[in-house]
Protein backbone atom coordinates (compact mmCIF):
# COMPACT_ATOMS: atom_id res chain seq x y z
CA MET A 1 27.26 97.04 -125.00
CA ASN A 2 27.58 93.60 -125.61
CA PRO A 3 24.99 91.33 -124.42
CA VAL A 4 24.84 87.99 -124.23
CA PHE A 5 23.10 85.52 -127.17
CA GLU A 6 21.91 82.79 -125.28
CA GLN A 7 20.68 79.28 -127.67
CA GLY A 8 17.81 77.74 -127.41
CA PHE A 9 13.88 78.59 -128.32
CA PRO A 10 13.63 81.27 -127.72
CA LEU A 11 16.70 82.61 -128.57
CA VAL A 12 17.52 84.80 -125.47
CA VAL A 13 19.38 88.35 -125.84
CA ARG A 14 20.83 89.14 -122.24
CA PHE A 15 21.19 92.54 -120.95
CA ASN A 16 23.54 94.65 -117.82
CA GLY A 17 20.36 97.15 -117.41
CA ASP A 18 21.11 99.13 -120.22
CA ASN A 19 18.27 101.92 -120.92
CA ARG A 20 16.20 102.25 -123.39
CA ASP A 21 17.65 104.48 -126.19
CA THR A 22 21.11 102.52 -125.98
CA PHE A 23 18.77 99.29 -126.47
CA ILE A 24 17.64 100.88 -129.12
CA ALA A 25 21.00 101.95 -131.14
CA TRP A 26 21.99 98.81 -130.24
CA TYR A 27 19.02 97.32 -131.83
CA LYS A 28 19.25 99.41 -135.51
CA GLU A 29 23.28 98.74 -136.03
CA ASN A 30 21.96 95.23 -135.36
CA GLU A 31 18.93 95.01 -137.01
CA ALA A 32 20.05 93.12 -139.96
CA LYS A 33 21.36 90.30 -138.15
CA LEU A 34 18.23 90.35 -136.12
CA THR A 35 16.24 89.92 -139.00
CA ASP A 36 18.06 86.62 -140.00
CA LEU A 37 18.12 85.34 -136.51
CA LEU A 38 14.76 85.99 -136.07
CA HIS A 39 14.11 83.79 -139.84
CA GLU A 40 16.01 81.10 -137.97
CA LYS A 41 14.56 80.63 -134.72
CA GLY A 42 10.96 82.39 -134.83
CA ALA A 43 11.51 83.70 -131.35
CA ILE A 44 13.72 86.32 -129.57
CA LEU A 45 13.77 87.45 -126.34
CA PHE A 46 15.57 90.56 -124.93
CA LYS A 47 16.16 90.32 -121.02
CA GLY A 48 17.56 93.09 -118.72
CA ILE A 49 16.73 96.14 -120.69
CA ASP A 50 15.87 98.69 -118.09
CA LEU A 51 12.18 99.03 -119.03
CA SER A 52 9.06 99.57 -117.38
CA ASP A 53 6.10 100.96 -118.52
CA LEU A 54 3.84 101.81 -121.83
CA ASP A 55 5.91 104.99 -122.44
CA ASP A 56 8.89 103.21 -122.86
CA PHE A 57 7.48 100.36 -124.61
CA GLU A 58 5.73 102.98 -127.05
CA HIS A 59 9.24 105.02 -127.10
CA VAL A 60 11.01 101.53 -128.50
CA MET A 61 8.57 100.52 -130.86
CA SER A 62 8.92 103.50 -132.01
CA PHE A 63 11.90 103.76 -133.72
CA ILE A 64 12.34 98.87 -134.19
CA SER A 65 9.51 100.01 -136.70
CA ASP A 66 7.06 102.57 -138.87
CA LYS A 67 5.15 99.65 -140.73
CA PHE A 68 2.78 99.07 -137.74
CA VAL A 69 -1.12 96.87 -138.14
CA ASN A 70 -3.98 97.62 -136.42
CA TYR A 71 -6.14 95.07 -134.65
CA VAL A 72 -8.89 95.44 -137.56
CA ASP A 73 -9.97 92.19 -138.13
CA GLY A 74 -9.45 90.59 -134.71
CA PHE A 75 -11.67 89.21 -132.27
CA SER A 76 -9.80 89.29 -129.04
CA PRO A 77 -10.97 91.11 -126.60
CA ARG A 78 -8.34 94.12 -126.49
CA THR A 79 -7.67 97.35 -125.43
CA LYS A 80 -6.16 100.08 -127.42
CA LEU A 81 -4.28 102.28 -125.47
CA ALA A 82 -1.64 104.33 -127.83
CA LYS A 83 -1.18 104.89 -131.43
CA ASN A 84 0.41 101.09 -132.04
CA ILE A 85 -0.34 100.12 -128.79
CA TYR A 86 -2.81 96.93 -127.21
CA THR A 87 -3.32 95.00 -124.35
CA SER A 88 -2.12 91.00 -125.48
CA THR A 89 -5.96 89.85 -124.07
CA GLU A 90 -8.41 90.58 -121.93
CA TYR A 91 -9.98 87.35 -121.59
CA ASP A 92 -10.74 85.85 -118.03
CA ALA A 93 -7.12 84.75 -115.91
CA ASP A 94 -8.75 81.43 -115.66
CA PHE A 95 -9.08 81.04 -119.17
CA TYR A 96 -6.35 79.02 -121.40
CA ILE A 97 -5.39 80.43 -124.92
CA THR A 98 -4.10 78.03 -127.38
CA LEU A 99 -1.89 78.74 -129.53
CA HIS A 100 -2.29 80.24 -132.71
CA ASN A 101 -0.63 82.60 -134.94
CA GLU A 102 -2.05 86.31 -135.21
CA LEU A 103 -4.65 87.71 -137.38
CA SER A 104 -3.96 84.31 -139.22
CA PHE A 105 -8.02 84.04 -141.23
CA SER A 106 -7.79 87.46 -142.19
CA ASN A 107 -5.65 89.40 -145.16
CA ARG A 108 -4.09 91.54 -143.50
CA TRP A 109 -1.59 89.38 -141.23
CA PRO A 110 1.37 90.66 -139.17
CA SER A 111 4.67 90.14 -140.14
CA ARG A 112 5.83 90.51 -136.53
CA LEU A 113 5.23 90.68 -132.81
CA PHE A 114 6.26 92.45 -129.71
CA PHE A 115 5.26 92.08 -126.35
CA PHE A 116 6.02 93.49 -123.55
CA CYS A 117 6.06 92.28 -119.87
CA VAL A 118 4.37 95.80 -117.61
CA THR A 119 3.65 93.61 -114.92
CA PRO A 120 4.25 89.80 -114.60
CA ALA A 121 1.19 87.22 -113.01
CA GLN A 122 1.37 86.02 -109.44
CA HIS A 123 1.27 82.55 -110.64
CA GLY A 124 0.71 81.44 -114.22
CA GLY A 125 0.71 83.82 -116.84
CA GLU A 126 3.56 82.21 -119.48
CA THR A 127 2.85 82.69 -123.34
CA PRO A 128 4.02 79.14 -124.68
CA ILE A 129 5.19 79.53 -128.47
CA ALA A 130 5.41 77.31 -130.43
CA ASP A 131 7.65 76.57 -133.74
CA GLY A 132 4.44 75.85 -137.19
CA ARG A 133 7.92 73.82 -138.78
CA GLU A 134 8.31 72.00 -135.90
CA ILE A 135 4.59 70.98 -135.92
CA LEU A 136 4.62 70.04 -139.49
CA ARG A 137 6.83 67.43 -138.62
CA LYS A 138 4.77 66.24 -135.71
CA MET A 139 1.15 65.70 -137.47
CA ARG A 140 0.26 62.43 -138.45
CA PRO A 141 0.28 62.61 -142.45
CA GLU A 142 -3.04 61.74 -143.35
CA LEU A 143 -4.55 64.37 -140.84
CA LEU A 144 -2.15 66.74 -142.28
CA GLU A 145 -3.17 65.96 -146.36
CA THR A 146 -6.71 66.71 -145.37
CA PHE A 147 -6.56 70.28 -144.14
CA THR A 148 -3.98 70.68 -146.92
CA GLN A 149 -6.17 69.39 -149.57
CA LYS A 150 -9.09 71.13 -147.66
CA GLY A 151 -7.65 74.06 -145.70
CA VAL A 152 -10.03 76.21 -143.62
CA THR A 153 -13.61 78.61 -143.31
CA TYR A 154 -13.97 81.02 -140.89
CA ILE A 155 -16.68 82.37 -140.08
CA ARG A 156 -18.04 85.28 -137.72
CA ASN A 157 -21.24 86.98 -137.08
CA LEU A 158 -20.32 89.75 -135.45
CA HIS A 159 -23.85 92.04 -133.86
CA ASN A 160 -24.46 95.55 -134.16
CA GLY A 161 -24.11 96.60 -130.26
CA GLY A 162 -26.35 94.20 -128.45
CA GLY A 163 -24.94 91.09 -128.23
CA VAL A 164 -22.64 88.07 -127.89
CA GLY A 165 -18.66 88.70 -128.83
CA PRO A 166 -17.68 91.82 -130.26
CA SER A 167 -19.70 93.45 -132.67
CA TRP A 168 -18.65 94.87 -135.81
CA GLN A 169 -18.12 98.40 -134.99
CA GLN A 170 -15.78 97.00 -132.75
CA THR A 171 -13.98 94.31 -134.74
CA TYR A 172 -13.05 96.91 -138.00
CA GLU A 173 -12.87 100.15 -135.46
CA THR A 174 -15.36 101.94 -137.36
CA GLU A 175 -19.50 102.87 -137.61
CA SER A 176 -19.05 103.24 -141.48
CA GLN A 177 -20.77 100.48 -142.61
CA ASN A 178 -19.18 101.67 -145.71
CA GLU A 179 -15.60 101.12 -144.70
CA VAL A 180 -16.06 97.89 -143.53
CA GLU A 181 -17.52 96.88 -146.82
CA ASN A 182 -14.19 98.12 -148.82
CA PHE A 183 -12.10 96.54 -146.15
CA CYS A 184 -13.91 93.06 -147.28
CA LYS A 185 -13.88 93.86 -151.11
CA GLU A 186 -10.05 94.64 -150.91
CA GLY A 187 -9.26 91.65 -149.20
CA ASN A 188 -11.61 88.64 -151.32
CA VAL A 189 -13.82 88.43 -147.95
CA ASP A 190 -17.68 86.99 -148.48
CA PHE A 191 -19.63 89.55 -146.14
CA GLU A 192 -23.81 89.26 -145.86
CA TRP A 193 -25.94 92.26 -144.00
CA LYS A 194 -28.56 91.32 -141.64
CA GLU A 195 -31.67 92.74 -140.94
CA ASP A 196 -30.67 93.08 -137.25
CA GLY A 197 -28.36 95.32 -138.80
CA GLY A 198 -25.04 92.47 -138.06
CA LEU A 199 -22.66 91.33 -139.98
CA LYS A 200 -21.43 87.83 -141.25
CA ILE A 201 -18.24 86.90 -141.99
CA ILE A 202 -17.07 84.17 -144.13
CA GLN A 203 -13.09 83.87 -144.66
CA ARG A 204 -11.61 80.88 -146.89
CA LYS A 205 -7.62 80.40 -146.20
CA ASP A 206 -5.21 77.79 -147.00
CA ALA A 207 -4.11 75.58 -143.59
CA LEU A 208 -0.87 76.23 -144.23
CA LEU A 209 1.41 78.74 -145.07
CA LYS A 210 4.92 78.79 -146.84
CA HIS A 211 7.15 81.72 -145.29
CA PRO A 212 7.57 85.39 -147.23
CA VAL A 213 11.27 85.44 -146.69
CA SER A 214 12.71 81.17 -146.57
CA GLY A 215 9.87 79.62 -148.38
CA GLU A 216 9.44 77.60 -145.79
CA GLU A 217 6.09 75.65 -145.17
CA VAL A 218 4.39 75.85 -142.08
CA TRP A 219 1.00 75.56 -139.72
CA PHE A 220 -0.52 78.74 -139.98
CA ASN A 221 -4.11 79.05 -138.37
CA GLN A 222 -6.20 79.15 -135.39
CA VAL A 223 -9.23 77.06 -136.82
CA ASP A 224 -9.90 74.88 -133.39
CA GLN A 225 -10.60 78.47 -132.12
CA PHE A 226 -13.27 78.99 -134.29
CA HIS A 227 -14.46 75.54 -133.50
CA PRO A 228 -17.11 74.64 -131.20
CA CYS A 229 -15.05 72.20 -129.33
CA HIS A 230 -12.73 74.89 -128.15
CA LEU A 231 -15.95 76.33 -125.88
CA ARG A 232 -16.46 74.93 -122.69
CA PRO A 233 -19.40 72.63 -122.63
CA GLU A 234 -21.87 74.86 -120.48
CA ILE A 235 -21.46 77.62 -123.06
CA TYR A 236 -21.16 76.20 -125.95
CA GLU A 237 -25.32 74.88 -124.66
CA THR A 238 -26.42 78.20 -124.00
CA LEU A 239 -25.31 79.35 -127.16
CA MET A 240 -27.22 76.70 -129.40
CA GLU A 241 -30.20 77.97 -127.58
CA LEU A 242 -29.60 81.29 -128.58
CA TYR A 243 -29.05 80.51 -132.20
CA ASP A 244 -31.56 77.91 -132.48
CA ASN A 245 -29.01 74.86 -132.34
CA GLN A 246 -27.09 76.01 -135.94
CA GLU A 247 -23.52 75.96 -135.35
CA GLU A 248 -22.74 77.79 -138.45
CA GLU A 249 -24.72 81.23 -137.03
CA LEU A 250 -22.47 80.98 -133.81
CA PRO A 251 -20.50 84.16 -133.02
CA MET A 252 -17.60 81.98 -134.13
CA TYR A 253 -17.62 78.54 -136.11
CA GLY A 254 -14.27 76.88 -138.02
CA CYS A 255 -15.05 74.48 -140.90
CA PHE A 256 -13.38 72.56 -143.06
CA GLY A 257 -12.49 74.91 -146.51
CA ASP A 258 -15.29 72.74 -148.62
CA ASP A 259 -17.97 73.64 -145.69
CA SER A 260 -18.20 70.44 -144.42
CA ARG A 261 -17.32 69.66 -140.58
CA ILE A 262 -14.09 69.68 -138.75
CA GLU A 263 -14.71 66.31 -136.12
CA LYS A 264 -14.20 67.65 -132.69
CA GLU A 265 -11.40 64.54 -132.92
CA MET A 266 -9.15 66.15 -135.20
CA ILE A 267 -8.80 69.36 -133.75
CA HIS A 268 -7.64 67.80 -130.44
CA GLU A 269 -5.01 66.08 -132.16
CA VAL A 270 -4.12 68.87 -133.49
CA ARG A 271 -4.12 70.90 -130.28
CA SER A 272 -2.51 68.58 -128.62
CA ILE A 273 0.30 68.21 -130.88
CA VAL A 274 0.46 71.65 -130.88
CA ASP A 275 1.09 71.53 -127.02
CA GLU A 276 3.39 68.85 -127.48
CA THR A 277 5.36 71.40 -129.42
CA ALA A 278 4.86 74.66 -126.91
CA VAL A 279 7.60 75.85 -124.71
CA PRO A 280 6.53 78.19 -122.27
CA VAL A 281 7.91 82.05 -121.69
CA ALA A 282 7.88 82.67 -118.28
CA TRP A 283 7.45 86.65 -117.80
CA GLN A 284 9.91 88.97 -115.94
CA LYS A 285 9.56 92.82 -115.73
CA GLY A 286 10.95 94.53 -118.52
CA ASP A 287 11.12 91.49 -120.52
CA LEU A 288 10.56 91.93 -124.63
CA LEU A 289 9.86 89.03 -126.59
CA MET A 290 10.05 89.52 -130.18
CA LEU A 291 8.24 87.09 -133.22
CA ASP A 292 7.73 85.78 -136.59
CA ASN A 293 4.05 85.41 -136.61
CA VAL A 294 4.50 83.22 -139.70
CA LEU A 295 6.71 81.42 -137.91
CA VAL A 296 5.58 80.99 -134.40
CA ALA A 297 2.76 79.99 -132.74
CA HIS A 298 1.38 81.44 -129.61
CA GLY A 299 -0.60 81.30 -126.65
CA ARG A 300 -1.19 81.92 -122.33
CA MET A 301 -1.96 79.76 -120.02
CA PRO A 302 -3.98 81.01 -116.80
CA TYR A 303 -2.56 83.00 -114.18
CA LYS A 304 -3.30 84.30 -110.68
CA GLY A 305 -2.99 87.96 -109.70
CA ASP A 306 -2.20 90.97 -111.32
CA ARG A 307 -1.08 90.40 -115.34
CA LYS A 308 -0.04 93.49 -118.05
CA ILE A 309 1.51 92.18 -120.65
CA LEU A 310 1.33 95.00 -123.75
CA VAL A 311 1.36 94.31 -127.51
CA SER A 312 3.03 95.99 -131.32
CA MET A 313 1.91 94.56 -133.91
CA SER A 314 3.96 95.23 -137.27
CA VAL A 315 5.05 94.42 -141.01
């Protein structure tokens, strides 16, 4: 088997209808080379493999990795379909998901993401990806310095089973307050139980991160998704009425690491740079996309028709 390597971003490795076990054998034989390429390119798209459903994806992943990361501490609506497999997201089809590094606000972010296409959208639904090194190179020095010096604070207000957004039980995949407290303490996460049984989570992070292998510095955060300007105006107004005009009590809120407000113009500037850097990955059935989650941010374009993309996360 001699797949064709097509240079670009992402790097495309094209097969000729090879079955899943043949692909697994090839992957294991070339694993060291692929790891080096992933650290260099940030994204590798495998095409032309005979893969079609959840069973195929789960089978392949069981051989590719034995160190998986569950989606504990996340906020995107998704369903756990198998032990290490989730739907990529269940946000409405008309919603543009801005680019982000998965779980960058958490202490337990995955090193690698594997996206698998079961059903491509009829129209749209691409997964835009952007190299965090390139984002830094494009960023205005004064803006970059501000985020570098101040860092970011992520605040989440998780309800106890009845409210807006996810509950703390959904977020941490448990009904035990002790388990949640242990998770937070291990990760040096500030938390506060509320009188109504809800939970406030405060996580302070750097806006940039050095890659654990290459040492390269990259833009690594998702503060724009936590900032109030991320909300549609009508949703923002409704939520502000619900939460007594206190932005820090919204289900999600993002500010600087010193708790000072990030002006919306800054968020718009960051988002513009990220979007300008992004490259859309158009899906075909059976495609398998491997991302270095530190080097590369990802999002989702709006779409029409059925779309089913699965994800698995590993260290």
